[in-house]
Amino acid sequence: MGMSSLKLLKYVLFIFNLLFWFCGCCILGFGIYLLIHNNFGVLFHNLPSLTLGNVLIIVGSIIMVVAFLGCMGSIKENKCLLMSFFLLLLIILLAEVTLAILLFVYEQKLSDSVAKGLTRSIQRYHSDNSTKAAWDNIQSFLQCCGINGASDWIRGPPDSCPKDPQVKGCYIKAQLWFHSNFLYTGIITICVCVIQVLGMSFALTLNCQIDKTSQALGL
């Protein structure tokens, strides 16, 4: 019974992490593609590394490393790798919870800081190609214009702005999109946390099962 439970847990955890490793590969590849082509440019010049490509590369790399530890730890029944996998998931989960609390507490300050950063960015539109690319892509994607509206463009709205005179600003439209999809965002966040907790539970259970099996075999 012990050996069959061990094998079942081992292969469940291996398949679970293998799927996540492939997801990490896809995210990393897409991030590299965006970084090479620089399609989205740089929106905040005080944070030049904060681009969609860099964020996807970091997220994809973390997923790949964690999933690799889970795969190798489960298939080889290595307790050290399993505990490393557990600890990494725990650190990521705690970081997510901390970030969520900080965003909730400092929501207004963050909102003001983003608005100021966008105001400085929009002033560089005609002098910096990277900023121009970022604004053009955002305005085309969200069908918005400027920060709060077309009046933000002192020299007149660029071609990437919709021609609708009642068009909303990108900052306002992004806020509206977030509030309208708040429920879905919450569900996705909860699902991610549940998956992480399940991964941690599987790792601990497999670790304990390895100990029991070893004791039963007299190892």
N, C-alpha and C. Protein backbone atom coordinates (compact mmCIF):
# COMPACT_ATOMS: atom_id res chain seq x y z
N MET A 1 0.83 -1.21 0.00
CA MET A 1 0.00 0.00 0.00
C MET A 1 0.86 1.25 0.00
N GLY A 2 1.97 1.18 0.83
CA GLY A 2 2.88 2.33 0.92
C GLY A 2 3.56 2.63 -0.40
N MET A 3 4.03 1.57 -1.07
CA MET A 3 4.74 1.74 -2.34
C MET A 3 3.81 2.28 -3.42
N SER A 4 2.57 1.80 -3.45
CA SER A 4 1.62 2.27 -4.47
C SER A 4 1.27 3.74 -4.23
N SER A 5 1.11 4.14 -2.97
CA SER A 5 0.84 5.55 -2.63
C SER A 5 2.00 6.43 -3.04
N LEU A 6 3.21 5.92 -2.79
CA LEU A 6 4.43 6.67 -3.14
C LEU A 6 4.51 6.90 -4.64
N LYS A 7 4.24 5.84 -5.41
CA LYS A 7 4.30 5.96 -6.88
C LYS A 7 3.24 6.93 -7.41
N LEU A 8 2.03 6.81 -6.85
CA LEU A 8 0.96 7.70 -7.28
C LEU A 8 1.31 9.16 -7.02
N LEU A 9 1.75 9.45 -5.80
CA LEU A 9 2.13 10.82 -5.44
C LEU A 9 3.28 11.31 -6.30
N LYS A 10 4.23 10.43 -6.54
CA LYS A 10 5.41 10.79 -7.32
C LYS A 10 5.03 11.22 -8.73
N TYR A 11 4.20 10.43 -9.39
CA TYR A 11 3.84 10.74 -10.77
C TYR A 11 2.85 11.89 -10.88
N VAL A 12 1.97 12.04 -9.89
CA VAL A 12 1.05 13.19 -9.88
C VAL A 12 1.84 14.49 -9.78
N LEU A 13 2.80 14.52 -8.84
CA LEU A 13 3.62 15.72 -8.65
C LEU A 13 4.51 15.98 -9.86
N PHE A 14 5.01 14.91 -10.48
CA PHE A 14 5.86 15.06 -11.66
C PHE A 14 5.08 15.67 -12.83
N ILE A 15 3.89 15.12 -13.12
CA ILE A 15 3.07 15.63 -14.23
C ILE A 15 2.62 17.06 -13.95
N PHE A 16 2.23 17.31 -12.71
CA PHE A 16 1.82 18.64 -12.25
C PHE A 16 2.91 19.68 -12.56
N ASN A 17 4.15 19.35 -12.22
CA ASN A 17 5.26 20.28 -12.43
C ASN A 17 5.74 20.32 -13.87
N LEU A 18 5.60 19.21 -14.58
CA LEU A 18 6.00 19.20 -15.98
C LEU A 18 5.14 20.16 -16.80
N LEU A 19 3.83 20.18 -16.51
CA LEU A 19 2.92 21.11 -17.18
C LEU A 19 3.31 22.56 -16.89
N PHE A 20 3.66 22.82 -15.63
CA PHE A 20 4.06 24.17 -15.26
C PHE A 20 5.39 24.56 -15.88
N TRP A 21 6.27 23.57 -16.04
CA TRP A 21 7.56 23.86 -16.68
C TRP A 21 7.35 24.28 -18.13
N PHE A 22 6.46 23.60 -18.83
CA PHE A 22 6.14 23.98 -20.22
C PHE A 22 5.51 25.37 -20.27
N CYS A 23 4.63 25.68 -19.30
CA CYS A 23 4.03 27.03 -19.22
C CYS A 23 5.12 28.08 -19.02
N GLY A 24 6.08 27.77 -18.14
CA GLY A 24 7.20 28.68 -17.90
C GLY A 24 8.03 28.90 -19.15
N CYS A 25 8.25 27.83 -19.92
CA CYS A 25 8.99 27.94 -21.19
C CYS A 25 8.28 28.88 -22.16
N CYS A 26 6.96 28.73 -22.26
CA CYS A 26 6.17 29.57 -23.17
C CYS A 26 6.23 31.04 -22.75
N ILE A 27 6.08 31.30 -21.44
CA ILE A 27 6.13 32.67 -20.93
C ILE A 27 7.52 33.27 -21.16
N LEU A 28 8.57 32.49 -20.89
CA LEU A 28 9.94 32.96 -21.11
C LEU A 28 10.19 33.27 -22.57
N GLY A 29 9.75 32.37 -23.46
CA GLY A 29 9.93 32.58 -24.90
C GLY A 29 9.22 33.83 -25.40
N PHE A 30 8.00 34.04 -24.92
CA PHE A 30 7.24 35.22 -25.32
C PHE A 30 7.91 36.49 -24.80
N GLY A 31 8.45 36.42 -23.58
CA GLY A 31 9.15 37.57 -23.01
C GLY A 31 10.40 37.93 -23.80
N ILE A 32 11.15 36.91 -24.22
CA ILE A 32 12.36 37.14 -25.03
C ILE A 32 11.98 37.75 -26.38
N TYR A 33 10.89 37.24 -26.96
CA TYR A 33 10.41 37.79 -28.24
C TYR A 33 10.09 39.28 -28.11
N LEU A 34 9.37 39.64 -27.04
CA LEU A 34 9.01 41.05 -26.82
C LEU A 34 10.24 41.89 -26.55
N LEU A 35 11.21 41.32 -25.84
CA LEU A 35 12.43 42.06 -25.51
C LEU A 35 13.26 42.33 -26.76
N ILE A 36 13.33 41.33 -27.65
CA ILE A 36 14.11 41.49 -28.90
C ILE A 36 13.46 42.52 -29.82
N HIS A 37 12.15 42.41 -29.98
CA HIS A 37 11.44 43.31 -30.90
C HIS A 37 11.09 44.66 -30.27
N ASN A 38 11.12 44.70 -28.92
CA ASN A 38 10.85 45.95 -28.19
C ASN A 38 9.56 46.62 -28.66
N ASN A 39 8.52 45.82 -28.81
CA ASN A 39 7.25 46.33 -29.34
C ASN A 39 6.54 47.30 -28.41
N PHE A 40 6.76 47.14 -27.10
CA PHE A 40 6.00 47.94 -26.14
C PHE A 40 6.79 49.10 -25.55
N GLY A 41 8.09 49.14 -25.83
CA GLY A 41 8.89 50.29 -25.39
C GLY A 41 8.95 50.42 -23.88
N VAL A 42 9.35 51.63 -23.44
CA VAL A 42 9.48 51.93 -22.01
C VAL A 42 8.52 53.05 -21.66
N LEU A 43 7.64 52.79 -20.69
CA LEU A 43 6.65 53.79 -20.31
C LEU A 43 7.12 54.65 -19.15
N PHE A 44 7.81 54.04 -18.19
CA PHE A 44 8.31 54.79 -17.02
C PHE A 44 9.83 54.86 -17.09
N HIS A 45 10.37 56.05 -17.33
CA HIS A 45 11.81 56.20 -17.50
C HIS A 45 12.58 56.15 -16.20
N ASN A 46 11.90 56.34 -15.06
CA ASN A 46 12.57 56.15 -13.78
C ASN A 46 12.69 54.67 -13.42
N LEU A 47 11.95 53.82 -14.17
CA LEU A 47 12.05 52.36 -14.03
C LEU A 47 12.24 51.75 -15.42
N PRO A 48 13.43 51.96 -16.02
CA PRO A 48 13.64 51.51 -17.40
C PRO A 48 13.57 50.01 -17.61
N SER A 49 13.77 49.24 -16.53
CA SER A 49 13.73 47.77 -16.65
C SER A 49 12.31 47.22 -16.55
N LEU A 50 11.36 48.09 -16.18
CA LEU A 50 9.98 47.63 -16.01
C LEU A 50 9.26 47.62 -17.35
N THR A 51 9.60 46.62 -18.16
CA THR A 51 8.92 46.43 -19.44
C THR A 51 8.22 45.07 -19.41
N LEU A 52 7.24 44.92 -20.28
CA LEU A 52 6.48 43.66 -20.33
C LEU A 52 7.39 42.48 -20.62
N GLY A 53 8.36 42.68 -21.51
CA GLY A 53 9.30 41.61 -21.86
C GLY A 53 10.11 41.15 -20.65
N ASN A 54 10.66 42.10 -19.88
CA ASN A 54 11.46 41.76 -18.71
C ASN A 54 10.64 41.06 -17.64
N VAL A 55 9.42 41.55 -17.42
CA VAL A 55 8.54 40.94 -16.41
C VAL A 55 8.23 39.49 -16.79
N LEU A 56 7.91 39.25 -18.06
CA LEU A 56 7.59 37.89 -18.51
C LEU A 56 8.81 36.97 -18.42
N ILE A 57 9.99 37.50 -18.70
CA ILE A 57 11.22 36.70 -18.60
C ILE A 57 11.47 36.28 -17.15
N ILE A 58 11.30 37.22 -16.22
CA ILE A 58 11.51 36.92 -14.79
C ILE A 58 10.49 35.89 -14.30
N VAL A 59 9.21 36.11 -14.65
CA VAL A 59 8.14 35.18 -14.22
C VAL A 59 8.35 33.80 -14.82
N GLY A 60 8.65 33.75 -16.12
CA GLY A 60 8.88 32.47 -16.80
C GLY A 60 10.07 31.72 -16.22
N SER A 61 11.15 32.44 -15.90
CA SER A 61 12.35 31.81 -15.34
C SER A 61 12.07 31.23 -13.96
N ILE A 62 11.34 31.99 -13.12
CA ILE A 62 11.00 31.51 -11.78
C ILE A 62 10.14 30.25 -11.86
N ILE A 63 9.14 30.27 -12.74
CA ILE A 63 8.26 29.09 -12.90
C ILE A 63 9.07 27.88 -13.35
N MET A 64 9.99 28.09 -14.31
CA MET A 64 10.79 26.98 -14.82
C MET A 64 11.69 26.37 -13.73
N VAL A 65 12.32 27.24 -12.92
CA VAL A 65 13.22 26.76 -11.86
C VAL A 65 12.44 25.97 -10.81
N VAL A 66 11.33 26.55 -10.35
CA VAL A 66 10.51 25.89 -9.33
C VAL A 66 9.95 24.57 -9.85
N ALA A 67 9.42 24.58 -11.07
CA ALA A 67 8.85 23.36 -11.67
C ALA A 67 9.92 22.30 -11.89
N PHE A 68 11.13 22.73 -12.27
CA PHE A 68 12.23 21.77 -12.47
C PHE A 68 12.59 21.07 -11.17
N LEU A 69 12.66 21.85 -10.08
CA LEU A 69 12.94 21.25 -8.77
C LEU A 69 11.86 20.25 -8.39
N GLY A 70 10.60 20.62 -8.66
CA GLY A 70 9.49 19.72 -8.35
C GLY A 70 9.54 18.44 -9.17
N CYS A 71 9.85 18.57 -10.46
CA CYS A 71 9.94 17.40 -11.35
C CYS A 71 11.05 16.45 -10.90
N MET A 72 12.25 17.00 -10.71
CA MET A 72 13.40 16.17 -10.35
C MET A 72 13.25 15.58 -8.95
N GLY A 73 12.72 16.40 -8.02
CA GLY A 73 12.54 15.91 -6.66
C GLY A 73 11.55 14.77 -6.58
N SER A 74 10.47 14.85 -7.36
CA SER A 74 9.45 13.80 -7.33
C SER A 74 9.89 12.54 -8.04
N ILE A 75 10.43 12.68 -9.25
CA ILE A 75 10.77 11.50 -10.05
C ILE A 75 11.95 10.73 -9.45
N LYS A 76 12.89 11.46 -8.80
CA LYS A 76 14.06 10.82 -8.19
C LYS A 76 13.85 10.55 -6.69
N GLU A 77 12.69 10.98 -6.20
CA GLU A 77 12.37 10.81 -4.76
C GLU A 77 13.47 11.41 -3.89
N ASN A 78 13.91 12.60 -4.27
CA ASN A 78 14.99 13.29 -3.56
C ASN A 78 14.40 14.27 -2.56
N LYS A 79 14.62 14.01 -1.27
CA LYS A 79 14.03 14.83 -0.22
C LYS A 79 14.57 16.25 -0.22
N CYS A 80 15.84 16.41 -0.55
CA CYS A 80 16.45 17.75 -0.57
C CYS A 80 15.80 18.63 -1.64
N LEU A 81 15.61 18.08 -2.84
CA LEU A 81 14.98 18.83 -3.92
C LEU A 81 13.51 19.11 -3.61
N LEU A 82 12.85 18.15 -2.98
CA LEU A 82 11.44 18.35 -2.63
C LEU A 82 11.27 19.47 -1.60
N MET A 83 12.17 19.51 -0.61
CA MET A 83 12.09 20.57 0.39
C MET A 83 12.47 21.93 -0.20
N SER A 84 13.39 21.92 -1.17
CA SER A 84 13.74 23.17 -1.87
C SER A 84 12.54 23.69 -2.66
N PHE A 85 11.85 22.76 -3.31
CA PHE A 85 10.62 23.08 -4.05
C PHE A 85 9.56 23.65 -3.11
N PHE A 86 9.38 23.00 -1.96
CA PHE A 86 8.40 23.46 -0.96
C PHE A 86 8.75 24.86 -0.46
N LEU A 87 10.01 25.09 -0.12
CA LEU A 87 10.43 26.38 0.43
C LEU A 87 10.29 27.51 -0.59
N LEU A 88 10.63 27.22 -1.85
CA LEU A 88 10.49 28.23 -2.90
C LEU A 88 9.02 28.61 -3.10
N LEU A 89 8.15 27.62 -3.12
CA LEU A 89 6.71 27.89 -3.25
C LEU A 89 6.21 28.71 -2.06
N LEU A 90 6.70 28.37 -0.86
CA LEU A 90 6.29 29.09 0.35
C LEU A 90 6.74 30.55 0.28
N ILE A 91 7.99 30.79 -0.16
CA ILE A 91 8.52 32.15 -0.28
C ILE A 91 7.70 32.95 -1.30
N ILE A 92 7.39 32.32 -2.44
CA ILE A 92 6.61 32.99 -3.48
C ILE A 92 5.21 33.34 -2.96
N LEU A 93 4.60 32.39 -2.24
CA LEU A 93 3.26 32.62 -1.69
C LEU A 93 3.27 33.77 -0.68
N LEU A 94 4.26 33.78 0.21
CA LEU A 94 4.38 34.86 1.20
C LEU A 94 4.63 36.21 0.52
N ALA A 95 5.44 36.19 -0.56
CA ALA A 95 5.72 37.43 -1.31
C ALA A 95 4.44 37.96 -1.96
N GLU A 96 3.63 37.05 -2.51
CA GLU A 96 2.36 37.45 -3.13
C GLU A 96 1.40 38.07 -2.12
N VAL A 97 1.31 37.44 -0.95
CA VAL A 97 0.43 37.96 0.11
C VAL A 97 0.91 39.32 0.59
N THR A 98 2.23 39.45 0.78
CA THR A 98 2.82 40.74 1.21
C THR A 98 2.56 41.82 0.19
N LEU A 99 2.75 41.49 -1.09
CA LEU A 99 2.52 42.46 -2.16
C LEU A 99 1.07 42.90 -2.21
N ALA A 100 0.15 41.94 -2.04
CA ALA A 100 -1.28 42.26 -2.05
C ALA A 100 -1.63 43.21 -0.90
N ILE A 101 -1.06 42.97 0.29
CA ILE A 101 -1.32 43.83 1.45
C ILE A 101 -0.76 45.23 1.21
N LEU A 102 0.47 45.32 0.67
CA LEU A 102 1.09 46.61 0.41
C LEU A 102 0.30 47.41 -0.63
N LEU A 103 -0.17 46.71 -1.67
CA LEU A 103 -0.97 47.38 -2.70
C LEU A 103 -2.27 47.92 -2.12
N PHE A 104 -2.85 47.16 -1.21
CA PHE A 104 -4.10 47.60 -0.58
C PHE A 104 -3.87 48.80 0.34
N VAL A 105 -2.78 48.76 1.13
CA VAL A 105 -2.49 49.82 2.09
C VAL A 105 -2.06 51.11 1.40
N TYR A 106 -1.21 50.96 0.38
CA TYR A 106 -0.64 52.14 -0.29
C TYR A 106 -1.26 52.38 -1.66
N GLU A 107 -2.52 52.01 -1.82
CA GLU A 107 -3.19 52.13 -3.13
C GLU A 107 -3.19 53.56 -3.64
N GLN A 108 -3.52 54.53 -2.78
CA GLN A 108 -3.60 55.93 -3.21
C GLN A 108 -2.23 56.49 -3.58
N LYS A 109 -1.21 56.18 -2.76
CA LYS A 109 0.14 56.65 -3.06
C LYS A 109 0.65 56.06 -4.36
N LEU A 110 0.37 54.78 -4.57
CA LEU A 110 0.79 54.13 -5.81
C LEU A 110 0.07 54.74 -7.00
N SER A 111 -1.21 55.03 -6.84
CA SER A 111 -1.99 55.64 -7.91
C SER A 111 -1.43 57.01 -8.29
N ASP A 112 -1.09 57.82 -7.27
CA ASP A 112 -0.51 59.15 -7.52
C ASP A 112 0.85 59.04 -8.20
N SER A 113 1.65 58.07 -7.75
CA SER A 113 2.99 57.88 -8.32
C SER A 113 2.91 57.47 -9.79
N VAL A 114 1.96 56.57 -10.10
CA VAL A 114 1.77 56.13 -11.50
C VAL A 114 1.33 57.30 -12.38
N ALA A 115 0.40 58.11 -11.86
CA ALA A 115 -0.10 59.27 -12.61
C ALA A 115 1.03 60.26 -12.91
N LYS A 116 1.90 60.50 -11.93
CA LYS A 116 3.04 61.41 -12.13
C LYS A 116 4.02 60.84 -13.15
N GLY A 117 4.26 59.53 -13.04
CA GLY A 117 5.17 58.87 -13.99
C GLY A 117 4.64 58.94 -15.41
N LEU A 118 3.34 58.77 -15.59
CA LEU A 118 2.72 58.84 -16.91
C LEU A 118 2.78 60.27 -17.47
N THR A 119 2.62 61.26 -16.58
CA THR A 119 2.70 62.66 -17.01
C THR A 119 4.09 62.99 -17.53
N ARG A 120 5.12 62.53 -16.81
CA ARG A 120 6.50 62.75 -17.28
C ARG A 120 6.76 61.99 -18.58
N SER A 121 6.16 60.79 -18.68
CA SER A 121 6.37 59.96 -19.86
C SER A 121 5.76 60.58 -21.11
N ILE A 122 4.56 61.14 -20.96
CA ILE A 122 3.85 61.69 -22.12
C ILE A 122 4.59 62.91 -22.70
N GLN A 123 5.38 63.57 -21.84
CA GLN A 123 6.15 64.72 -22.28
C GLN A 123 7.36 64.32 -23.13
N ARG A 124 7.72 63.04 -23.06
CA ARG A 124 8.87 62.53 -23.84
C ARG A 124 8.44 61.84 -25.12
N TYR A 125 7.15 61.89 -25.42
CA TYR A 125 6.61 61.15 -26.57
C TYR A 125 7.32 61.52 -27.88
N HIS A 126 7.53 62.80 -28.12
CA HIS A 126 8.10 63.25 -29.40
C HIS A 126 9.63 63.22 -29.42
N SER A 127 10.25 62.96 -28.27
CA SER A 127 11.72 63.00 -28.22
C SER A 127 12.34 61.63 -27.98
N ASP A 128 11.52 60.62 -27.68
CA ASP A 128 12.07 59.30 -27.37
C ASP A 128 11.25 58.22 -28.08
N ASN A 129 11.92 57.46 -28.94
CA ASN A 129 11.22 56.44 -29.75
C ASN A 129 10.63 55.32 -28.90
N SER A 130 11.33 54.96 -27.81
CA SER A 130 10.85 53.89 -26.95
C SER A 130 9.54 54.29 -26.25
N THR A 131 9.49 55.55 -25.80
CA THR A 131 8.27 56.07 -25.16
C THR A 131 7.14 56.16 -26.17
N LYS A 132 7.48 56.59 -27.38
CA LYS A 132 6.49 56.70 -28.46
C LYS A 132 5.87 55.33 -28.75
N ALA A 133 6.72 54.30 -28.83
CA ALA A 133 6.24 52.95 -29.11
C ALA A 133 5.31 52.46 -27.99
N ALA A 134 5.70 52.76 -26.74
CA ALA A 134 4.89 52.32 -25.59
C ALA A 134 3.50 52.96 -25.62
N TRP A 135 3.46 54.28 -25.83
CA TRP A 135 2.17 54.98 -25.84
C TRP A 135 1.31 54.56 -27.03
N ASP A 136 1.93 54.41 -28.19
CA ASP A 136 1.17 54.01 -29.38
C ASP A 136 0.52 52.64 -29.20
N ASN A 137 1.27 51.71 -28.61
CA ASN A 137 0.74 50.36 -28.39
C ASN A 137 -0.38 50.35 -27.36
N ILE A 138 -0.19 51.11 -26.28
CA ILE A 138 -1.21 51.16 -25.22
C ILE A 138 -2.49 51.81 -25.74
N GLN A 139 -2.36 52.92 -26.46
CA GLN A 139 -3.54 53.62 -26.97
C GLN A 139 -4.29 52.80 -28.00
N SER A 140 -3.55 52.08 -28.83
CA SER A 140 -4.19 51.23 -29.83
C SER A 140 -4.87 50.03 -29.18
N PHE A 141 -4.22 49.45 -28.16
CA PHE A 141 -4.75 48.25 -27.51
C PHE A 141 -5.98 48.57 -26.66
N LEU A 142 -5.90 49.64 -25.86
CA LEU A 142 -7.00 49.99 -24.96
C LEU A 142 -8.03 50.92 -25.60
N GLN A 143 -7.73 51.40 -26.82
CA GLN A 143 -8.62 52.37 -27.48
C GLN A 143 -8.86 53.58 -26.57
N CYS A 144 -7.74 54.17 -26.15
CA CYS A 144 -7.79 55.32 -25.25
C CYS A 144 -6.87 56.41 -25.79
N CYS A 145 -6.83 57.55 -25.11
CA CYS A 145 -6.00 58.65 -25.58
C CYS A 145 -5.48 59.45 -24.39
N GLY A 146 -4.17 59.56 -24.28
CA GLY A 146 -3.56 60.31 -23.19
C GLY A 146 -3.75 59.65 -21.84
N ILE A 147 -3.55 60.43 -20.78
CA ILE A 147 -3.71 59.90 -19.42
C ILE A 147 -5.17 60.00 -18.98
N ASN A 148 -5.69 61.22 -19.04
CA ASN A 148 -7.09 61.45 -18.65
C ASN A 148 -7.99 61.80 -19.84
N GLY A 149 -7.38 61.99 -21.00
CA GLY A 149 -8.13 62.34 -22.20
C GLY A 149 -7.23 62.94 -23.26
N ALA A 150 -7.81 63.24 -24.42
CA ALA A 150 -7.02 63.77 -25.55
C ALA A 150 -6.37 65.12 -25.24
N SER A 151 -6.91 65.86 -24.27
CA SER A 151 -6.37 67.17 -23.92
C SER A 151 -4.97 67.09 -23.31
N ASP A 152 -4.55 65.90 -22.90
CA ASP A 152 -3.20 65.74 -22.33
C ASP A 152 -2.12 65.96 -23.38
N TRP A 153 -2.47 65.78 -24.65
CA TRP A 153 -1.50 65.96 -25.73
C TRP A 153 -1.46 67.44 -26.13
N ILE A 154 -0.41 68.12 -25.73
CA ILE A 154 -0.30 69.57 -25.96
C ILE A 154 -0.22 69.87 -27.46
N ARG A 155 0.49 69.04 -28.20
CA ARG A 155 0.64 69.26 -29.65
C ARG A 155 -0.48 68.60 -30.45
N GLY A 156 -1.48 68.13 -29.77
CA GLY A 156 -2.57 67.43 -30.45
C GLY A 156 -2.38 65.93 -30.36
N PRO A 157 -3.46 65.17 -30.28
CA PRO A 157 -3.35 63.70 -30.13
C PRO A 157 -2.67 63.05 -31.32
N PRO A 158 -1.83 62.03 -31.06
CA PRO A 158 -1.16 61.31 -32.17
C PRO A 158 -2.11 60.41 -32.92
N ASP A 159 -1.62 59.81 -34.00
CA ASP A 159 -2.45 58.96 -34.85
C ASP A 159 -2.95 57.71 -34.13
N SER A 160 -2.24 57.29 -33.08
CA SER A 160 -2.65 56.08 -32.36
C SER A 160 -3.88 56.31 -31.51
N CYS A 161 -4.28 57.57 -31.30
CA CYS A 161 -5.49 57.87 -30.54
C CYS A 161 -6.73 57.61 -31.40
N PRO A 162 -7.78 57.03 -30.82
CA PRO A 162 -9.04 56.87 -31.56
C PRO A 162 -9.60 58.24 -31.94
N LYS A 163 -10.34 58.28 -33.03
CA LYS A 163 -10.88 59.56 -33.52
C LYS A 163 -12.14 60.01 -32.77
N ASP A 164 -12.66 59.15 -31.91
CA ASP A 164 -13.86 59.48 -31.15
C ASP A 164 -13.59 60.67 -30.21
N PRO A 165 -14.34 61.76 -30.31
CA PRO A 165 -14.11 62.94 -29.45
C PRO A 165 -14.39 62.66 -27.97
N GLN A 166 -15.18 61.62 -27.67
CA GLN A 166 -15.51 61.28 -26.29
C GLN A 166 -14.58 60.20 -25.72
N VAL A 167 -13.47 59.96 -26.39
CA VAL A 167 -12.57 58.88 -25.97
C VAL A 167 -12.02 59.16 -24.56
N LYS A 168 -11.90 58.09 -23.78
CA LYS A 168 -11.41 58.20 -22.40
C LYS A 168 -9.88 58.12 -22.36
N GLY A 169 -9.31 58.61 -21.26
CA GLY A 169 -7.87 58.52 -21.06
C GLY A 169 -7.45 57.10 -20.72
N CYS A 170 -6.18 56.76 -20.99
CA CYS A 170 -5.69 55.39 -20.78
C CYS A 170 -5.68 55.01 -19.30
N TYR A 171 -5.32 55.97 -18.45
CA TYR A 171 -5.27 55.68 -17.02
C TYR A 171 -6.68 55.39 -16.48
N ILE A 172 -7.62 56.20 -16.89
CA ILE A 172 -9.02 56.01 -16.47
C ILE A 172 -9.56 54.69 -17.02
N LYS A 173 -9.24 54.42 -18.29
CA LYS A 173 -9.76 53.21 -18.93
C LYS A 173 -9.15 51.95 -18.30
N ALA A 174 -7.87 52.03 -17.93
CA ALA A 174 -7.23 50.89 -17.27
C ALA A 174 -7.87 50.63 -15.90
N GLN A 175 -8.20 51.70 -15.17
CA GLN A 175 -8.87 51.56 -13.88
C GLN A 175 -10.27 50.95 -14.05
N LEU A 176 -10.99 51.43 -15.07
CA LEU A 176 -12.33 50.90 -15.33
C LEU A 176 -12.27 49.42 -15.70
N TRP A 177 -11.26 49.06 -16.52
CA TRP A 177 -11.09 47.66 -16.92
C TRP A 177 -10.81 46.80 -15.69
N PHE A 178 -9.94 47.29 -14.80
CA PHE A 178 -9.60 46.51 -13.61
C PHE A 178 -10.81 46.33 -12.70
N HIS A 179 -11.56 47.40 -12.48
CA HIS A 179 -12.73 47.31 -11.60
C HIS A 179 -13.82 46.40 -12.19
N SER A 180 -13.98 46.46 -13.51
CA SER A 180 -15.00 45.61 -14.16
C SER A 180 -14.60 44.14 -14.17
N ASN A 181 -13.28 43.88 -14.09
CA ASN A 181 -12.79 42.49 -14.10
C ASN A 181 -12.22 42.08 -12.74
N PHE A 182 -12.61 42.83 -11.71
CA PHE A 182 -12.06 42.57 -10.37
C PHE A 182 -12.40 41.16 -9.89
N LEU A 183 -13.63 40.71 -10.16
CA LEU A 183 -14.05 39.38 -9.74
C LEU A 183 -13.21 38.30 -10.39
N TYR A 184 -12.99 38.43 -11.73
CA TYR A 184 -12.20 37.44 -12.45
C TYR A 184 -10.74 37.47 -11.99
N THR A 185 -10.23 38.68 -11.73
CA THR A 185 -8.85 38.80 -11.24
C THR A 185 -8.71 38.11 -9.88
N GLY A 186 -9.73 38.31 -9.02
CA GLY A 186 -9.72 37.67 -7.71
C GLY A 186 -9.78 36.15 -7.81
N ILE A 187 -10.62 35.65 -8.72
CA ILE A 187 -10.75 34.20 -8.90
C ILE A 187 -9.43 33.59 -9.39
N ILE A 188 -8.80 34.26 -10.36
CA ILE A 188 -7.51 33.79 -10.90
C ILE A 188 -6.46 33.77 -9.80
N THR A 189 -6.42 34.85 -9.00
CA THR A 189 -5.45 34.96 -7.91
C THR A 189 -5.64 33.84 -6.89
N ILE A 190 -6.90 33.58 -6.53
CA ILE A 190 -7.21 32.52 -5.56
C ILE A 190 -6.81 31.16 -6.13
N CYS A 191 -7.09 30.95 -7.43
CA CYS A 191 -6.73 29.67 -8.08
C CYS A 191 -5.22 29.44 -8.06
N VAL A 192 -4.46 30.51 -8.34
CA VAL A 192 -2.99 30.41 -8.33
C VAL A 192 -2.50 30.04 -6.93
N CYS A 193 -3.08 30.70 -5.91
CA CYS A 193 -2.70 30.40 -4.52
C CYS A 193 -3.06 28.97 -4.13
N VAL A 194 -4.23 28.51 -4.55
CA VAL A 194 -4.66 27.14 -4.26
C VAL A 194 -3.72 26.13 -4.91
N ILE A 195 -3.33 26.40 -6.16
CA ILE A 195 -2.40 25.51 -6.88
C ILE A 195 -1.06 25.45 -6.15
N GLN A 196 -0.60 26.62 -5.67
CA GLN A 196 0.67 26.65 -4.94
C GLN A 196 0.57 25.85 -3.64
N VAL A 197 -0.53 26.02 -2.93
CA VAL A 197 -0.73 25.28 -1.67
C VAL A 197 -0.81 23.77 -1.95
N LEU A 198 -1.48 23.38 -3.04
CA LEU A 198 -1.57 21.97 -3.42
C LEU A 198 -0.17 21.41 -3.73
N GLY A 199 0.61 22.20 -4.46
CA GLY A 199 1.98 21.78 -4.78
C GLY A 199 2.80 21.57 -3.52
N MET A 200 2.68 22.51 -2.57
CA MET A 200 3.38 22.38 -1.29
C MET A 200 2.91 21.15 -0.52
N SER A 201 1.60 20.91 -0.54
CA SER A 201 1.03 19.75 0.18
C SER A 201 1.52 18.44 -0.43
N PHE A 202 1.52 18.37 -1.76
CA PHE A 202 2.01 17.17 -2.45
C PHE A 202 3.47 16.91 -2.10
N ALA A 203 4.28 17.99 -2.10
CA ALA A 203 5.71 17.85 -1.82
C ALA A 203 5.94 17.34 -0.39
N LEU A 204 5.22 17.90 0.58
CA LEU A 204 5.37 17.46 1.97
C LEU A 204 4.89 16.02 2.16
N THR A 205 3.74 15.71 1.53
CA THR A 205 3.19 14.35 1.65
C THR A 205 4.13 13.33 1.03
N LEU A 206 4.68 13.66 -0.14
CA LEU A 206 5.63 12.75 -0.80
C LEU A 206 6.88 12.59 0.05
N ASN A 207 7.33 13.68 0.65
CA ASN A 207 8.51 13.64 1.50
C ASN A 207 8.28 12.70 2.70
N CYS A 208 7.11 12.82 3.33
CA CYS A 208 6.76 11.95 4.46
C CYS A 208 6.62 10.49 4.01
N GLN A 209 6.04 10.30 2.81
CA GLN A 209 5.83 8.95 2.29
C GLN A 209 7.16 8.27 2.00
N ILE A 210 8.15 9.07 1.54
CA ILE A 210 9.51 8.52 1.28
C ILE A 210 10.10 8.03 2.59
N ASP A 211 9.93 8.82 3.67
CA ASP A 211 10.44 8.43 4.98
C ASP A 211 9.80 7.12 5.46
N LYS A 212 8.47 7.05 5.32
CA LYS A 212 7.75 5.84 5.77
C LYS A 212 8.18 4.61 4.99
N THR A 213 8.33 4.79 3.66
CA THR A 213 8.74 3.67 2.81
C THR A 213 10.14 3.21 3.15
N SER A 214 11.03 4.17 3.42
CA SER A 214 12.41 3.85 3.78
C SER A 214 12.46 3.08 5.10
N GLN A 215 11.65 3.52 6.07
CA GLN A 215 11.60 2.83 7.36
C GLN A 215 11.03 1.43 7.21
N ALA A 216 10.02 1.29 6.35
CA ALA A 216 9.39 -0.02 6.14
C ALA A 216 10.36 -1.00 5.49
N LEU A 217 11.24 -0.46 4.60
CA LEU A 217 12.22 -1.31 3.93
C LEU A 217 13.49 -1.48 4.76
N GLY A 218 13.56 -0.76 5.90
CA GLY A 218 14.73 -0.87 6.78
C GLY A 218 15.94 -0.15 6.25
N LEU A 219 15.70 0.97 5.44
CA LEU A 219 16.83 1.71 4.87
C LEU A 219 17.26 2.84 5.80
